[in-house]
Amino acid sequence: MKTVTVDLHPVFRNDRDIDKAIRAALFRAAGGKADLLEIIPGKGSGTLRRRVLARLEQPHLSKLFRRVEVDAGNEGRILVYF
């Protein structure tokens, strides 16, 4: 199973950088025929996780993947399946 991982810790303060990182990772994973995209917003207060999930719900991005889930064993990780 091919996995692409993006860690959002370095860009967590800037909405534009978060959006660019998510979009780039989605396009890289979809174009590279990856099975899974692992987005790591970290545990924290959950604000960044909610922001990422809201971005993934946008219609032009949600067309690229089958489903999204927050890892049950690690709340600081979002899994996007293609």
C-alpha atoms as a PDB file:
ATOM      1  CA  MET A   1       0.000   0.000   0.000  1.00  0.00           C
ATOM      2  CA  LYS A   2       1.471   3.333  -1.097  1.00  0.00           C
ATOM      3  CA  THR A   3       1.152   6.116   1.497  1.00  0.00           C
ATOM      4  CA  VAL A   4       1.811   9.850   1.266  1.00  0.00           C
ATOM      5  CA  THR A   5       2.335  11.711   4.545  1.00  0.00           C
ATOM      6  CA  VAL A   6       2.098  15.442   5.251  1.00  0.00           C
ATOM      7  CA  ASP A   7       2.961  16.939   8.655  1.00  0.00           C
ATOM      8  CA  LEU A   8       1.217  20.254   9.321  1.00  0.00           C
ATOM      9  CA  HIS A   9       3.199  21.164  12.446  1.00  0.00           C
ATOM     10  CA  PRO A  10       5.540  23.563  10.564  1.00  0.00           C
ATOM     11  CA  VAL A  11       2.660  25.547   8.986  1.00  0.00           C
ATOM     12  CA  PHE A  12      -0.064  25.391  11.637  1.00  0.00           C
ATOM     13  CA  ARG A  13      -0.281  29.174  12.150  1.00  0.00           C
ATOM     14  CA  ASN A  14      -0.927  30.172   8.547  1.00  0.00           C
ATOM     15  CA  ASP A  15      -4.248  29.282   6.866  1.00  0.00           C
ATOM     16  CA  ARG A  16      -2.871  29.791   3.363  1.00  0.00           C
ATOM     17  CA  ASP A  17       0.091  27.476   4.015  1.00  0.00           C
ATOM     18  CA  ILE A  18      -2.210  24.848   5.544  1.00  0.00           C
ATOM     19  CA  ASP A  19      -4.464  24.968   2.488  1.00  0.00           C
ATOM     20  CA  LYS A  20      -1.498  24.765   0.102  1.00  0.00           C
ATOM     21  CA  ALA A  21       0.012  21.817   2.008  1.00  0.00           C
ATOM     22  CA  ILE A  22      -3.285  19.892   2.014  1.00  0.00           C
ATOM     23  CA  ARG A  23      -3.960  20.557  -1.677  1.00  0.00           C
ATOM     24  CA  ALA A  24      -0.408  19.658  -2.723  1.00  0.00           C
ATOM     25  CA  ALA A  25      -0.519  16.423  -0.720  1.00  0.00           C
ATOM     26  CA  LEU A  26      -3.945  15.480  -2.136  1.00  0.00           C
ATOM     27  CA  PHE A  27      -2.838  16.086  -5.724  1.00  0.00           C
ATOM     28  CA  ARG A  28       0.481  14.283  -5.143  1.00  0.00           C
ATOM     29  CA  ALA A  29      -1.313  11.271  -3.631  1.00  0.00           C
ATOM     30  CA  ALA A  30      -4.056  11.159  -6.290  1.00  0.00           C
ATOM     31  CA  GLY A  31      -1.593  11.650  -9.153  1.00  0.00           C
ATOM     32  CA  GLY A  32       0.849   9.117  -7.758  1.00  0.00           C
ATOM     33  CA  LYS A  33      -1.829   6.466  -7.365  1.00  0.00           C
ATOM     34  CA  ALA A  34      -1.400   6.347  -3.576  1.00  0.00           C
ATOM     35  CA  ASP A  35      -3.856   4.314  -1.526  1.00  0.00           C
ATOM     36  CA  LEU A  36      -3.632   6.494   1.561  1.00  0.00           C
ATOM     37  CA  LEU A  37      -2.822  10.080   2.509  1.00  0.00           C
ATOM     38  CA  GLU A  38      -1.829  10.558   6.123  1.00  0.00           C
ATOM     39  CA  ILE A  39      -2.285  14.139   7.368  1.00  0.00           C
ATOM     40  CA  ILE A  40      -0.729  14.909  10.742  1.00  0.00           C
ATOM     41  CA  PRO A  41      -2.245  17.998  12.369  1.00  0.00           C
ATOM     42  CA  GLY A  42      -1.171  16.865  15.850  1.00  0.00           C
ATOM     43  CA  LYS A  43      -3.263  16.345  18.958  1.00  0.00           C
ATOM     44  CA  GLY A  44      -3.426  19.770  20.625  1.00  0.00           C
ATOM     45  CA  SER A  45      -6.834  21.375  21.124  1.00  0.00           C
ATOM     46  CA  GLY A  46      -8.279  19.940  17.899  1.00  0.00           C
ATOM     47  CA  THR A  47      -8.591  23.301  16.143  1.00  0.00           C
ATOM     48  CA  LEU A  48      -6.202  22.398  13.334  1.00  0.00           C
ATOM     49  CA  ARG A  49      -7.826  18.969  12.921  1.00  0.00           C
ATOM     50  CA  ARG A  50     -11.249  20.607  12.514  1.00  0.00           C
ATOM     51  CA  ARG A  51      -9.793  23.103  10.037  1.00  0.00           C
ATOM     52  CA  VAL A  52      -8.279  20.279   7.964  1.00  0.00           C
ATOM     53  CA  LEU A  53     -11.518  18.263   7.998  1.00  0.00           C
ATOM     54  CA  ALA A  54     -13.458  21.347   6.864  1.00  0.00           C
ATOM     55  CA  ARG A  55     -11.022  21.852   3.968  1.00  0.00           C
ATOM     56  CA  LEU A  56     -11.392  18.202   2.938  1.00  0.00           C
ATOM     57  CA  GLU A  57     -15.182  18.600   2.785  1.00  0.00           C
ATOM     58  CA  GLN A  58     -14.901  21.181   0.007  1.00  0.00           C
ATOM     59  CA  PRO A  59     -16.547  19.734  -3.131  1.00  0.00           C
ATOM     60  CA  HIS A  60     -13.602  20.332  -5.471  1.00  0.00           C
ATOM     61  CA  LEU A  61     -11.292  18.416  -3.094  1.00  0.00           C
ATOM     62  CA  SER A  62     -13.683  15.680  -1.943  1.00  0.00           C
ATOM     63  CA  LYS A  63     -13.933  14.442  -5.553  1.00  0.00           C
ATOM     64  CA  LEU A  64     -10.338  13.244  -5.313  1.00  0.00           C
ATOM     65  CA  PHE A  65     -10.790  10.606  -2.595  1.00  0.00           C
ATOM     66  CA  ARG A  66     -13.214   7.960  -1.325  1.00  0.00           C
ATOM     67  CA  ARG A  67     -13.342   8.633   2.433  1.00  0.00           C
ATOM     68  CA  VAL A  68     -11.746  10.429   5.367  1.00  0.00           C
ATOM     69  CA  GLU A  69     -11.436   9.307   8.956  1.00  0.00           C
ATOM     70  CA  VAL A  70      -9.652  10.396  12.100  1.00  0.00           C
ATOM     71  CA  ASP A  71      -7.392   7.562  13.236  1.00  0.00           C
ATOM     72  CA  ALA A  72      -9.134   5.855  16.173  1.00  0.00           C
ATOM     73  CA  GLY A  73      -5.837   5.052  17.875  1.00  0.00           C
ATOM     74  CA  ASN A  74      -4.291   8.492  17.327  1.00  0.00           C
ATOM     75  CA  GLU A  75      -6.479  11.604  17.231  1.00  0.00           C
ATOM     76  CA  GLY A  76      -3.554  13.591  15.820  1.00  0.00           C
ATOM     77  CA  ARG A  77      -3.721  11.770  12.487  1.00  0.00           C
ATOM     78  CA  ILE A  78      -6.268  12.045   9.666  1.00  0.00           C
ATOM     79  CA  LEU A  79      -6.443   9.264   7.090  1.00  0.00           C
ATOM     80  CA  VAL A  80      -7.652   9.959   3.554  1.00  0.00           C
ATOM     81  CA  TYR A  81      -8.393   6.872   1.433  1.00  0.00           C
ATOM     82  CA  PHE A  82      -8.269   6.874  -2.386  1.00  0.00           C
END
